[in-house]
Amino acid sequence: MPPKIILMVVAPKDFRDEEFFETKQVLESHGIKATTASKNVEWAGSKFGKEVTKLAYIGEFWNTTLRAKARGFKPQQCLCKSRY
C-alpha cells in the first residue's frame, strides 16, 4: 500500500496555530505524511508567532496537478509522485 501523503496549504502570515499545528500533529500520528506549501517558500508565520520553514511552493503543485489532469491523471496520483 502506498504511503498516505497530503498537501497542507498555509497562508504566508497570520494563519491560525490550532488549525495548522494541531491538524498536522493528528495526521502524522496516524501515519500520514503532511507536506506544507505556501506562496512563500522561506517561511510562514502564525497569528501567535510560530513559524513554519522549509515550505514547498504552492505554484509547483498547482502546475503539476494541471499537467496531470490534462493527461488524464487524478490529482491525488500527481501529488504522490511529487518530489516532496
Protein backbone atom coordinates (compact mmCIF):
# COMPACT_ATOMS: atom_id res chain seq x y z
CA MET A 1 0.00 0.00 0.00
CA PRO A 2 1.50 3.38 -0.97
CA PRO A 3 2.19 5.86 1.82
CA LYS A 4 -0.53 8.37 2.56
CA ILE A 5 0.61 11.87 1.69
CA ILE A 6 -1.35 15.10 1.90
CA LEU A 7 -0.59 18.69 1.00
CA MET A 8 -1.34 21.30 3.65
CA VAL A 9 -1.53 24.85 2.31
CA VAL A 10 -0.91 27.73 4.73
CA ALA A 11 -1.14 31.49 4.35
CA PRO A 12 2.24 33.25 4.30
CA LYS A 13 1.35 35.08 7.53
CA ASP A 14 -1.22 35.15 10.32
CA PHE A 15 -2.56 31.61 9.91
CA ARG A 16 -4.20 30.11 13.00
CA ASP A 17 -1.87 27.96 15.12
CA GLU A 18 -4.53 25.43 16.10
CA GLU A 19 -5.75 24.96 12.54
CA PHE A 20 -2.29 24.07 11.25
CA PHE A 21 -0.14 22.64 14.06
CA GLU A 22 -2.82 20.55 15.77
CA THR A 23 -4.14 19.18 12.49
CA LYS A 24 -0.66 18.30 11.26
CA GLN A 25 0.16 16.55 14.55
CA VAL A 26 -3.00 14.41 14.38
CA LEU A 27 -2.40 13.46 10.74
CA GLU A 28 1.23 12.50 11.38
CA SER A 29 0.25 10.47 14.46
CA HIS A 30 -1.90 8.37 12.09
CA GLY A 31 0.98 7.75 9.70
CA ILE A 32 0.07 10.39 7.13
CA LYS A 33 2.95 12.45 5.75
CA ALA A 34 1.98 16.12 5.60
CA THR A 35 3.84 18.35 3.15
CA THR A 36 3.33 22.06 3.77
CA ALA A 37 3.13 24.57 0.93
CA SER A 38 2.62 28.31 0.65
CA LYS A 39 3.28 31.25 -1.66
CA ASN A 40 6.48 31.99 0.26
CA VAL A 41 8.97 29.10 0.43
CA GLU A 42 11.23 30.64 3.08
CA TRP A 43 8.80 30.68 6.00
CA ALA A 44 5.19 31.23 7.06
CA GLY A 45 4.23 32.91 10.32
CA SER A 46 1.25 32.12 12.51
CA LYS A 47 -1.00 34.63 14.24
CA PHE A 48 0.67 33.86 17.58
CA GLY A 49 4.29 33.98 16.44
CA LYS A 50 5.16 30.39 15.49
CA GLU A 51 6.98 29.83 12.21
CA VAL A 52 6.98 27.06 9.64
CA THR A 53 10.09 26.68 7.48
CA LYS A 54 11.12 24.50 4.53
CA LEU A 55 7.90 25.06 2.65
CA ALA A 56 7.09 23.77 -0.80
CA TYR A 57 5.99 26.33 -3.39
CA ILE A 58 2.25 26.01 -3.96
CA GLY A 59 2.65 27.01 -7.62
CA GLU A 60 4.68 23.88 -8.30
CA PHE A 61 1.87 21.64 -7.07
CA TRP A 62 -0.72 23.64 -8.99
CA ASN A 63 1.20 23.40 -12.26
CA THR A 64 1.96 19.70 -11.75
CA THR A 65 -1.70 18.96 -10.99
CA LEU A 66 -2.93 20.83 -14.08
CA ARG A 67 -0.49 18.98 -16.33
CA ALA A 68 -1.51 15.64 -14.83
CA LYS A 69 -5.23 16.36 -15.22
CA ALA A 70 -4.64 17.23 -18.88
CA ARG A 71 -3.10 13.77 -19.32
CA GLY A 72 -6.00 12.05 -17.54
CA PHE A 73 -4.45 11.51 -14.10
CA LYS A 74 -6.33 12.22 -10.92
CA PRO A 75 -4.81 15.00 -8.74
CA GLN A 76 -4.03 12.61 -5.87
CA GLN A 77 -1.94 10.44 -8.21
CA CYS A 78 0.02 13.50 -9.26
CA LEU A 79 0.83 14.75 -5.76
CA CYS A 80 2.02 11.34 -4.61
CA LYS A 81 4.66 11.34 -7.34
CA SER A 82 5.93 14.79 -6.37
CA ARG A 83 9.48 15.19 -5.11
CA TYR A 84 8.13 16.25 -1.72
